[in-house]
Amino acid sequence: MPDFHRSMKESLRAPEQGADTVVWLSVSEAAVKNPSGRFYQDRKMVSAHLPLAWTRCSALEEQKLVSLLEDMAKTFQPH
């Protein structure tokens, strides 16, 4: 995606910056204290929908996804 990189290179993060919140959540109490399935950016919970994006989902769609992910996670649980 050379055109994308050329136009966005000043706004893109280094790999370390991009990984910061994921690593922070893996060791932070915030991951335990806050509801699961939330979107984090720069160590803060933010909206899962981009301000100008047209993505939306219903509560039923969210619940279906959560159920699917919970079922998938069970396959990784020790018996």
PDB file of N, CA and C in Angstrom:
ATOM      1  N   MET A   1       0.834  -1.182   0.000  1.00  0.00           N
ATOM      2  CA  MET A   1       0.000   0.000   0.000  1.00  0.00           C
ATOM      3  C   MET A   1       0.883   1.252   0.000  1.00  0.00           C
ATOM      4  N   PRO A   2       1.684   1.400  -1.021  1.00  0.00           N
ATOM      5  CA  PRO A   2       2.620   2.528  -1.048  1.00  0.00           C
ATOM      6  C   PRO A   2       1.948   3.893  -1.003  1.00  0.00           C
ATOM      7  N   ASP A   3       0.804   4.049  -1.685  1.00  0.00           N
ATOM      8  CA  ASP A   3       0.133   5.360  -1.662  1.00  0.00           C
ATOM      9  C   ASP A   3      -0.354   5.702  -0.262  1.00  0.00           C
ATOM     10  N   PHE A   4      -0.921   4.709   0.422  1.00  0.00           N
ATOM     11  CA  PHE A   4      -1.386   4.923   1.787  1.00  0.00           C
ATOM     12  C   PHE A   4      -0.209   5.312   2.676  1.00  0.00           C
ATOM     13  N   HIS A   5       0.871   4.559   2.589  1.00  0.00           N
ATOM     14  CA  HIS A   5       2.033   4.852   3.432  1.00  0.00           C
ATOM     15  C   HIS A   5       2.593   6.239   3.138  1.00  0.00           C
ATOM     16  N   ARG A   6       2.677   6.586   1.886  1.00  0.00           N
ATOM     17  CA  ARG A   6       3.218   7.895   1.500  1.00  0.00           C
ATOM     18  C   ARG A   6       2.366   9.028   2.074  1.00  0.00           C
ATOM     19  N   SER A   7       1.053   8.880   2.038  1.00  0.00           N
ATOM     20  CA  SER A   7       0.186   9.967   2.519  1.00  0.00           C
ATOM     21  C   SER A   7       0.008   9.959   4.035  1.00  0.00           C
ATOM     22  N   MET A   8       0.233   8.811   4.685  1.00  0.00           N
ATOM     23  CA  MET A   8      -0.029   8.716   6.116  1.00  0.00           C
ATOM     24  C   MET A   8       1.226   8.537   6.967  1.00  0.00           C
ATOM     25  N   LYS A   9       2.403   8.507   6.351  1.00  0.00           N
ATOM     26  CA  LYS A   9       3.605   8.132   7.091  1.00  0.00           C
ATOM     27  C   LYS A   9       3.889   9.021   8.304  1.00  0.00           C
ATOM     28  N   GLU A  10       3.476  10.263   8.256  1.00  0.00           N
ATOM     29  CA  GLU A  10       3.702  11.147   9.399  1.00  0.00           C
ATOM     30  C   GLU A  10       2.750  10.832  10.552  1.00  0.00           C
ATOM     31  N   SER A  11       1.640  10.155  10.270  1.00  0.00           N
ATOM     32  CA  SER A  11       0.648   9.826  11.294  1.00  0.00           C
ATOM     33  C   SER A  11       0.777   8.402  11.825  1.00  0.00           C
ATOM     34  N   LEU A  12       1.518   7.560  11.133  1.00  0.00           N
ATOM     35  CA  LEU A  12       1.637   6.162  11.536  1.00  0.00           C
ATOM     36  C   LEU A  12       2.534   6.032  12.767  1.00  0.00           C
ATOM     37  N   ARG A  13       2.246   5.008  13.558  1.00  0.00           N
ATOM     38  CA  ARG A  13       3.017   4.764  14.769  1.00  0.00           C
ATOM     39  C   ARG A  13       4.112   3.742  14.502  1.00  0.00           C
ATOM     40  N   ALA A  14       5.136   3.819  15.324  1.00  0.00           N
ATOM     41  CA  ALA A  14       6.188   2.797  15.291  1.00  0.00           C
ATOM     42  C   ALA A  14       5.599   1.515  15.883  1.00  0.00           C
ATOM     43  N   PRO A  15       6.161   0.366  15.556  1.00  0.00           N
ATOM     44  CA  PRO A  15       5.642  -0.888  16.120  1.00  0.00           C
ATOM     45  C   PRO A  15       5.550  -0.861  17.647  1.00  0.00           C
ATOM     46  N   GLU A  16       6.539  -0.275  18.304  1.00  0.00           N
ATOM     47  CA  GLU A  16       6.523  -0.193  19.766  1.00  0.00           C
ATOM     48  C   GLU A  16       5.340   0.633  20.257  1.00  0.00           C
ATOM     49  N   GLN A  17       5.052   1.729  19.572  1.00  0.00           N
ATOM     50  CA  GLN A  17       3.911   2.560  19.946  1.00  0.00           C
ATOM     51  C   GLN A  17       2.602   1.819  19.715  1.00  0.00           C
ATOM     52  N   GLY A  18       2.529   1.095  18.623  1.00  0.00           N
ATOM     53  CA  GLY A  18       1.315   0.351  18.326  1.00  0.00           C
ATOM     54  C   GLY A  18       1.056  -0.765  19.317  1.00  0.00           C
ATOM     55  N   ALA A  19       2.112  -1.355  19.844  1.00  0.00           N
ATOM     56  CA  ALA A  19       1.981  -2.468  20.789  1.00  0.00           C
ATOM     57  C   ALA A  19       1.767  -2.007  22.228  1.00  0.00           C
ATOM     58  N   ASP A  20       2.017  -0.758  22.522  1.00  0.00           N
ATOM     59  CA  ASP A  20       1.988  -0.271  23.900  1.00  0.00           C
ATOM     60  C   ASP A  20       0.688  -0.605  24.626  1.00  0.00           C
ATOM     61  N   THR A  21      -0.454  -0.277  24.060  1.00  0.00           N
ATOM     62  CA  THR A  21      -1.722  -0.493  24.748  1.00  0.00           C
ATOM     63  C   THR A  21      -2.020  -1.972  24.918  1.00  0.00           C
ATOM     64  N   VAL A  22      -1.694  -2.785  23.931  1.00  0.00           N
ATOM     65  CA  VAL A  22      -1.934  -4.227  24.041  1.00  0.00           C
ATOM     66  C   VAL A  22      -1.108  -4.818  25.184  1.00  0.00           C
ATOM     67  N   VAL A  23       0.158  -4.433  25.252  1.00  0.00           N
ATOM     68  CA  VAL A  23       1.018  -4.927  26.321  1.00  0.00           C
ATOM     69  C   VAL A  23       0.524  -4.402  27.663  1.00  0.00           C
ATOM     70  N   TRP A  24       0.176  -3.138  27.729  1.00  0.00           N
ATOM     71  CA  TRP A  24      -0.346  -2.543  28.961  1.00  0.00           C
ATOM     72  C   TRP A  24      -1.587  -3.279  29.449  1.00  0.00           C
ATOM     73  N   LEU A  25      -2.507  -3.587  28.545  1.00  0.00           N
ATOM     74  CA  LEU A  25      -3.710  -4.305  28.941  1.00  0.00           C
ATOM     75  C   LEU A  25      -3.404  -5.710  29.442  1.00  0.00           C
ATOM     76  N   SER A  26      -2.384  -6.328  28.896  1.00  0.00           N
ATOM     77  CA  SER A  26      -2.069  -7.701  29.301  1.00  0.00           C
ATOM     78  C   SER A  26      -1.550  -7.774  30.730  1.00  0.00           C
ATOM     79  N   VAL A  27      -1.040  -6.676  31.271  1.00  0.00           N
ATOM     80  CA  VAL A  27      -0.499  -6.686  32.630  1.00  0.00           C
ATOM     81  C   VAL A  27      -1.211  -5.710  33.563  1.00  0.00           C
ATOM     82  N   SER A  28      -2.195  -5.008  33.061  1.00  0.00           N
ATOM     83  CA  SER A  28      -2.848  -3.960  33.830  1.00  0.00           C
ATOM     84  C   SER A  28      -4.108  -4.454  34.536  1.00  0.00           C
ATOM     85  N   GLU A  29      -4.399  -3.873  35.663  1.00  0.00           N
ATOM     86  CA  GLU A  29      -5.655  -4.150  36.365  1.00  0.00           C
ATOM     87  C   GLU A  29      -6.843  -3.614  35.572  1.00  0.00           C
ATOM     88  N   ALA A  30      -6.611  -2.691  34.663  1.00  0.00           N
ATOM     89  CA  ALA A  30      -7.695  -2.118  33.856  1.00  0.00           C
ATOM     90  C   ALA A  30      -8.412  -3.197  33.062  1.00  0.00           C
ATOM     91  N   ALA A  31      -7.677  -4.192  32.617  1.00  0.00           N
ATOM     92  CA  ALA A  31      -8.284  -5.269  31.840  1.00  0.00           C
ATOM     93  C   ALA A  31      -9.233  -6.090  32.696  1.00  0.00           C
ATOM     94  N   VAL A  32      -8.976  -6.164  33.988  1.00  0.00           N
ATOM     95  CA  VAL A  32      -9.834  -6.929  34.893  1.00  0.00           C
ATOM     96  C   VAL A  32     -11.003  -6.079  35.372  1.00  0.00           C
ATOM     97  N   LYS A  33     -10.764  -4.813  35.604  1.00  0.00           N
ATOM     98  CA  LYS A  33     -11.783  -3.929  36.180  1.00  0.00           C
ATOM     99  C   LYS A  33     -12.812  -3.444  35.168  1.00  0.00           C
ATOM    100  N   ASN A  34     -12.463  -3.383  33.895  1.00  0.00           N
ATOM    101  CA  ASN A  34     -13.364  -2.859  32.871  1.00  0.00           C
ATOM    102  C   ASN A  34     -14.044  -3.999  32.122  1.00  0.00           C
ATOM    103  N   PRO A  35     -15.201  -3.724  31.525  1.00  0.00           N
ATOM    104  CA  PRO A  35     -15.912  -4.776  30.795  1.00  0.00           C
ATOM    105  C   PRO A  35     -15.100  -5.314  29.622  1.00  0.00           C
ATOM    106  N   SER A  36     -15.272  -6.583  29.363  1.00  0.00           N
ATOM    107  CA  SER A  36     -14.588  -7.228  28.253  1.00  0.00           C
ATOM    108  C   SER A  36     -15.166  -6.749  26.922  1.00  0.00           C
ATOM    109  N   GLY A  37     -14.357  -6.815  25.886  1.00  0.00           N
ATOM    110  CA  GLY A  37     -14.828  -6.495  24.550  1.00  0.00           C
ATOM    111  C   GLY A  37     -14.772  -5.027  24.200  1.00  0.00           C
ATOM    112  N   ARG A  38     -14.173  -4.230  25.020  1.00  0.00           N
ATOM    113  CA  ARG A  38     -14.072  -2.795  24.737  1.00  0.00           C
ATOM    114  C   ARG A  38     -12.858  -2.516  23.870  1.00  0.00           C
ATOM    115  N   PHE A  39     -12.837  -1.346  23.254  1.00  0.00           N
ATOM    116  CA  PHE A  39     -11.752  -0.944  22.377  1.00  0.00           C
ATOM    117  C   PHE A  39     -10.890   0.075  23.118  1.00  0.00           C
ATOM    118  N   TYR A  40      -9.584  -0.148  23.109  1.00  0.00           N
ATOM    119  CA  TYR A  40      -8.652   0.745  23.793  1.00  0.00           C
ATOM    120  C   TYR A  40      -7.701   1.368  22.791  1.00  0.00           C
ATOM    121  N   GLN A  41      -7.380   2.620  23.050  1.00  0.00           N
ATOM    122  CA  GLN A  41      -6.369   3.326  22.262  1.00  0.00           C
ATOM    123  C   GLN A  41      -5.625   4.243  23.208  1.00  0.00           C
ATOM    124  N   ASP A  42      -4.326   4.210  23.143  1.00  0.00           N
ATOM    125  CA  ASP A  42      -3.481   5.021  24.024  1.00  0.00           C
ATOM    126  C   ASP A  42      -3.850   4.815  25.490  1.00  0.00           C
ATOM    127  N   ARG A  43      -4.070   3.541  25.851  1.00  0.00           N
ATOM    128  CA  ARG A  43      -4.370   3.124  27.221  1.00  0.00           C
ATOM    129  C   ARG A  43      -5.687   3.673  27.759  1.00  0.00           C
ATOM    130  N   LYS A  44      -6.576   4.070  26.877  1.00  0.00           N
ATOM    131  CA  LYS A  44      -7.891   4.576  27.283  1.00  0.00           C
ATOM    132  C   LYS A  44      -8.972   3.843  26.511  1.00  0.00           C
ATOM    133  N   MET A  45     -10.104   3.598  27.193  1.00  0.00           N
ATOM    134  CA  MET A  45     -11.238   2.988  26.519  1.00  0.00           C
ATOM    135  C   MET A  45     -11.876   4.039  25.609  1.00  0.00           C
ATOM    136  N   VAL A  46     -12.095   3.673  24.349  1.00  0.00           N
ATOM    137  CA  VAL A  46     -12.691   4.593  23.378  1.00  0.00           C
ATOM    138  C   VAL A  46     -13.817   3.874  22.638  1.00  0.00           C
ATOM    139  N   SER A  47     -14.577   4.628  21.894  1.00  0.00           N
ATOM    140  CA  SER A  47     -15.668   4.066  21.107  1.00  0.00           C
ATOM    141  C   SER A  47     -15.125   3.055  20.102  1.00  0.00           C
ATOM    142  N   ALA A  48     -15.870   1.982  19.922  1.00  0.00           N
ATOM    143  CA  ALA A  48     -15.464   0.964  18.952  1.00  0.00           C
ATOM    144  C   ALA A  48     -15.758   1.396  17.522  1.00  0.00           C
ATOM    145  N   HIS A  49     -16.517   2.460  17.354  1.00  0.00           N
ATOM    146  CA  HIS A  49     -16.890   2.943  16.022  1.00  0.00           C
ATOM    147  C   HIS A  49     -16.147   4.238  15.729  1.00  0.00           C
ATOM    148  N   LEU A  50     -15.542   4.292  14.584  1.00  0.00           N
ATOM    149  CA  LEU A  50     -14.850   5.510  14.181  1.00  0.00           C
ATOM    150  C   LEU A  50     -15.870   6.619  13.988  1.00  0.00           C
ATOM    151  N   PRO A  51     -15.530   7.842  14.340  1.00  0.00           N
ATOM    152  CA  PRO A  51     -16.497   8.944  14.280  1.00  0.00           C
ATOM    153  C   PRO A  51     -17.183   9.118  12.922  1.00  0.00           C
ATOM    154  N   LEU A  52     -16.466   8.961  11.842  1.00  0.00           N
ATOM    155  CA  LEU A  52     -17.061   9.184  10.528  1.00  0.00           C
ATOM    156  C   LEU A  52     -17.350   7.886   9.782  1.00  0.00           C
ATOM    157  N   ALA A  53     -17.117   6.759  10.432  1.00  0.00           N
ATOM    158  CA  ALA A  53     -17.406   5.477   9.790  1.00  0.00           C
ATOM    159  C   ALA A  53     -18.896   5.182   9.890  1.00  0.00           C
ATOM    160  N   TRP A  54     -19.380   4.365   9.019  1.00  0.00           N
ATOM    161  CA  TRP A  54     -20.811   4.048   9.013  1.00  0.00           C
ATOM    162  C   TRP A  54     -21.071   2.700   9.667  1.00  0.00           C
ATOM    163  N   THR A  55     -20.081   2.193  10.403  1.00  0.00           N
ATOM    164  CA  THR A  55     -20.253   0.888  11.043  1.00  0.00           C
ATOM    165  C   THR A  55     -21.095   1.012  12.304  1.00  0.00           C
ATOM    166  N   ARG A  56     -22.046   0.150  12.420  1.00  0.00           N
ATOM    167  CA  ARG A  56     -22.884   0.074  13.609  1.00  0.00           C
ATOM    168  C   ARG A  56     -23.298  -1.380  13.761  1.00  0.00           C
ATOM    169  N   CYS A  57     -23.598  -1.775  14.969  1.00  0.00           N
ATOM    170  CA  CYS A  57     -24.117  -3.118  15.178  1.00  0.00           C
ATOM    171  C   CYS A  57     -25.166  -3.074  16.273  1.00  0.00           C
ATOM    172  N   SER A  58     -26.092  -3.979  16.184  1.00  0.00           N
ATOM    173  CA  SER A  58     -27.172  -4.047  17.169  1.00  0.00           C
ATOM    174  C   SER A  58     -26.690  -4.802  18.399  1.00  0.00           C
ATOM    175  N   ALA A  59     -27.456  -4.695  19.476  1.00  0.00           N
ATOM    176  CA  ALA A  59     -27.132  -5.431  20.696  1.00  0.00           C
ATOM    177  C   ALA A  59     -27.151  -6.932  20.421  1.00  0.00           C
ATOM    178  N   LEU A  60     -28.071  -7.379  19.574  1.00  0.00           N
ATOM    179  CA  LEU A  60     -28.150  -8.797  19.234  1.00  0.00           C
ATOM    180  C   LEU A  60     -26.892  -9.248  18.494  1.00  0.00           C
ATOM    181  N   GLU A  61     -26.416  -8.438  17.555  1.00  0.00           N
ATOM    182  CA  GLU A  61     -25.188  -8.772  16.832  1.00  0.00           C
ATOM    183  C   GLU A  61     -23.995  -8.826  17.787  1.00  0.00           C
ATOM    184  N   GLU A  62     -23.942  -7.887  18.718  1.00  0.00           N
ATOM    185  CA  GLU A  62     -22.859  -7.885  19.701  1.00  0.00           C
ATOM    186  C   GLU A  62     -22.906  -9.154  20.540  1.00  0.00           C
ATOM    187  N   GLN A  63     -24.101  -9.532  20.996  1.00  0.00           N
ATOM    188  CA  GLN A  63     -24.239 -10.717  21.828  1.00  0.00           C
ATOM    189  C   GLN A  63     -23.861 -11.983  21.055  1.00  0.00           C
ATOM    190  N   LYS A  64     -24.242 -12.047  19.780  1.00  0.00           N
ATOM    191  CA  LYS A  64     -23.869 -13.198  18.960  1.00  0.00           C
ATOM    192  C   LYS A  64     -22.349 -13.318  18.860  1.00  0.00           C
ATOM    193  N   LEU A  65     -21.682 -12.187  18.653  1.00  0.00           N
ATOM    194  CA  LEU A  65     -20.226 -12.199  18.554  1.00  0.00           C
ATOM    195  C   LEU A  65     -19.602 -12.633  19.874  1.00  0.00           C
ATOM    196  N   VAL A  66     -20.083 -12.084  20.982  1.00  0.00           N
ATOM    197  CA  VAL A  66     -19.543 -12.444  22.285  1.00  0.00           C
ATOM    198  C   VAL A  66     -19.739 -13.938  22.539  1.00  0.00           C
ATOM    199  N   SER A  67     -20.913 -14.467  22.222  1.00  0.00           N
ATOM    200  CA  SER A  67     -21.182 -15.897  22.403  1.00  0.00           C
ATOM    201  C   SER A  67     -20.235 -16.747  21.560  1.00  0.00           C
ATOM    202  N   LEU A  68     -20.040 -16.339  20.327  1.00  0.00           N
ATOM    203  CA  LEU A  68     -19.129 -17.059  19.442  1.00  0.00           C
ATOM    204  C   LEU A  68     -17.707 -17.055  20.005  1.00  0.00           C
ATOM    205  N   LEU A  69     -17.252 -15.893  20.457  1.00  0.00           N
ATOM    206  CA  LEU A  69     -15.902 -15.795  21.009  1.00  0.00           C
ATOM    207  C   LEU A  69     -15.767 -16.614  22.296  1.00  0.00           C
ATOM    208  N   GLU A  70     -16.806 -16.608  23.126  1.00  0.00           N
ATOM    209  CA  GLU A  70     -16.770 -17.408  24.353  1.00  0.00           C
ATOM    210  C   GLU A  70     -16.693 -18.894  24.022  1.00  0.00           C
ATOM    211  N   ASP A  71     -17.455 -19.331  23.031  1.00  0.00           N
ATOM    212  CA  ASP A  71     -17.399 -20.734  22.607  1.00  0.00           C
ATOM    213  C   ASP A  71     -16.012 -21.097  22.085  1.00  0.00           C
ATOM    214  N   MET A  72     -15.430 -20.205  21.303  1.00  0.00           N
ATOM    215  CA  MET A  72     -14.091 -20.452  20.771  1.00  0.00           C
ATOM    216  C   MET A  72     -13.070 -20.502  21.909  1.00  0.00           C
ATOM    217  N   ALA A  73     -13.214 -19.627  22.896  1.00  0.00           N
ATOM    218  CA  ALA A  73     -12.270 -19.576  24.010  1.00  0.00           C
ATOM    219  C   ALA A  73     -12.313 -20.855  24.829  1.00  0.00           C
ATOM    220  N   LYS A  74     -13.468 -21.490  24.903  1.00  0.00           N
ATOM    221  CA  LYS A  74     -13.592 -22.738  25.678  1.00  0.00           C
ATOM    222  C   LYS A  74     -12.670 -23.823  25.133  1.00  0.00           C
ATOM    223  N   THR A  75     -12.385 -23.784  23.851  1.00  0.00           N
ATOM    224  CA  THR A  75     -11.513 -24.812  23.273  1.00  0.00           C
ATOM    225  C   THR A  75     -10.076 -24.680  23.777  1.00  0.00           C
ATOM    226  N   PHE A  76      -9.734 -23.519  24.336  1.00  0.00           N
ATOM    227  CA  PHE A  76      -8.388 -23.285  24.828  1.00  0.00           C
ATOM    228  C   PHE A  76      -8.295 -23.429  26.337  1.00  0.00           C
ATOM    229  N   GLN A  77      -9.407 -23.697  27.006  1.00  0.00           N
ATOM    230  CA  GLN A  77      -9.412 -23.841  28.457  1.00  0.00           C
ATOM    231  C   GLN A  77      -8.942 -25.247  28.836  1.00  0.00           C
ATOM    232  N   PRO A  78      -8.158 -25.335  29.919  1.00  0.00           N
ATOM    233  CA  PRO A  78      -7.746 -26.667  30.367  1.00  0.00           C
ATOM    234  C   PRO A  78      -8.955 -27.456  30.863  1.00  0.00           C
ATOM    235  N   HIS A  79      -8.952 -28.747  30.620  1.00  0.00           N
ATOM    236  CA  HIS A  79     -10.093 -29.575  31.029  1.00  0.00           C
ATOM    237  C   HIS A  79      -9.877 -30.155  32.393  1.00  0.00           C
TER     238      HIS A  79
END
